[in-house]
Amino acid sequence: MLASSGGFIHNVLGSPYRFLMTSADTGGAFALLEVTAPPQSAVPLHVHTREDETFFILDGTIEAECGGCELTLHRMRPLAAAQCSAQLSQP
């Protein structure tokens, strides 16, 4: 169990990314991060070639692009990202 103030914090484009669990902690299965992103902030478009990315939005919304489809991810609805992944895997 990680203390509420624990975890390594890395600054990404002005937003704190707090590592709750790293791939080293999970035997390479996943990493778990908490991100507090201010309104209108953005991460440049990028591609993950070795991992999936899932978002659990606790407050507000996030606009994202996945495989050419544009998504609006809403609070506590991680299915939008999963739906896009399913679209990418279809022939």
Protein backbone atom coordinates (compact mmCIF):
# COMPACT_ATOMS: atom_id res chain seq x y z
CA MET A 1 0.00 0.00 0.00
CA LEU A 2 1.40 3.36 -1.04
CA ALA A 3 1.03 6.33 1.28
CA SER A 4 -1.07 9.20 -0.10
CA SER A 5 2.07 11.31 -0.45
CA GLY A 6 4.25 8.43 -1.70
CA GLY A 7 5.45 7.54 -5.16
CA PHE A 8 7.95 9.11 -7.50
CA ILE A 9 6.66 12.29 -9.20
CA HIS A 10 7.84 13.13 -12.71
CA ASN A 11 6.93 16.45 -14.36
CA VAL A 12 5.58 15.96 -17.89
CA LEU A 13 4.93 19.21 -19.77
CA GLY A 14 4.02 20.99 -16.55
CA SER A 15 1.76 18.27 -15.13
CA PRO A 16 2.74 16.02 -12.21
CA TYR A 17 2.75 12.30 -13.04
CA ARG A 18 2.90 10.31 -9.78
CA PHE A 19 4.01 6.70 -10.16
CA LEU A 20 1.82 4.62 -7.83
CA MET A 21 3.22 1.34 -9.16
CA THR A 22 6.01 0.83 -11.67
CA SER A 23 6.62 -2.06 -14.05
CA ALA A 24 9.35 -3.15 -11.62
CA ASP A 25 6.71 -3.36 -8.87
CA THR A 26 4.39 -5.51 -11.02
CA GLY A 27 6.88 -7.83 -12.70
CA GLY A 28 6.52 -5.95 -15.97
CA ALA A 29 2.73 -6.40 -16.11
CA PHE A 30 1.78 -2.71 -15.88
CA ALA A 31 2.51 0.68 -14.38
CA LEU A 32 -0.08 2.79 -12.55
CA LEU A 33 0.18 6.58 -12.62
CA GLU A 34 -1.87 9.42 -11.20
CA VAL A 35 -1.89 12.54 -13.36
CA THR A 36 -3.29 15.95 -12.51
CA ALA A 37 -3.62 17.79 -15.81
CA PRO A 38 -4.81 21.40 -15.89
CA PRO A 39 -7.57 22.37 -18.34
CA GLN A 40 -6.43 22.84 -21.95
CA SER A 41 -3.16 20.97 -21.32
CA ALA A 42 -2.01 18.39 -23.86
CA VAL A 43 0.52 15.69 -24.51
CA PRO A 44 1.80 15.57 -28.11
CA LEU A 45 0.43 12.75 -30.27
CA HIS A 46 2.53 9.64 -29.79
CA VAL A 47 2.42 5.88 -30.36
CA HIS A 48 2.94 3.10 -27.84
CA THR A 49 4.43 0.05 -29.54
CA ARG A 50 4.88 -2.18 -26.47
CA GLU A 51 2.04 -1.27 -24.14
CA ASP A 52 -1.62 -0.35 -23.87
CA GLU A 53 -2.86 2.80 -22.20
CA THR A 54 -6.03 2.97 -20.08
CA PHE A 55 -7.47 6.07 -18.47
CA PHE A 56 -9.72 6.32 -15.43
CA ILE A 57 -10.96 9.90 -15.38
CA LEU A 58 -11.79 11.05 -11.85
CA ASP A 59 -12.93 14.55 -12.77
CA GLY A 60 -13.68 16.32 -16.04
CA THR A 61 -13.03 14.89 -19.51
CA ILE A 62 -10.06 14.15 -21.74
CA GLU A 63 -9.99 14.36 -25.52
CA ALA A 64 -7.78 11.69 -27.06
CA GLU A 65 -6.96 10.18 -30.43
CA CYS A 66 -6.47 6.46 -30.89
CA GLY A 67 -5.76 4.90 -34.27
CA GLY A 68 -7.30 7.83 -36.10
CA CYS A 69 -10.51 7.91 -34.05
CA GLU A 70 -11.11 10.91 -31.82
CA LEU A 71 -12.50 10.18 -28.36
CA THR A 72 -13.85 12.16 -25.46
CA LEU A 73 -13.18 10.21 -22.29
CA HIS A 74 -15.58 11.01 -19.47
CA ARG A 75 -15.32 10.69 -15.70
CA MET A 76 -15.25 7.07 -14.56
CA ARG A 77 -15.85 5.60 -18.05
CA PRO A 78 -12.68 3.78 -19.21
CA LEU A 79 -14.55 1.90 -21.96
CA ALA A 80 -13.93 4.49 -24.67
CA ALA A 81 -10.24 3.57 -24.79
CA ALA A 82 -11.07 -0.14 -24.79
CA GLN A 83 -13.54 0.38 -27.64
CA CYS A 84 -10.89 2.12 -29.71
CA SER A 85 -8.44 -0.73 -29.05
CA ALA A 86 -11.06 -3.19 -30.25
CA GLN A 87 -11.52 -1.14 -33.44
CA LEU A 88 -7.77 -1.23 -34.07
CA SER A 89 -7.66 -5.04 -33.77
CA GLN A 90 -10.46 -5.62 -36.29
CA PRO A 91 -9.40 -6.67 -39.82
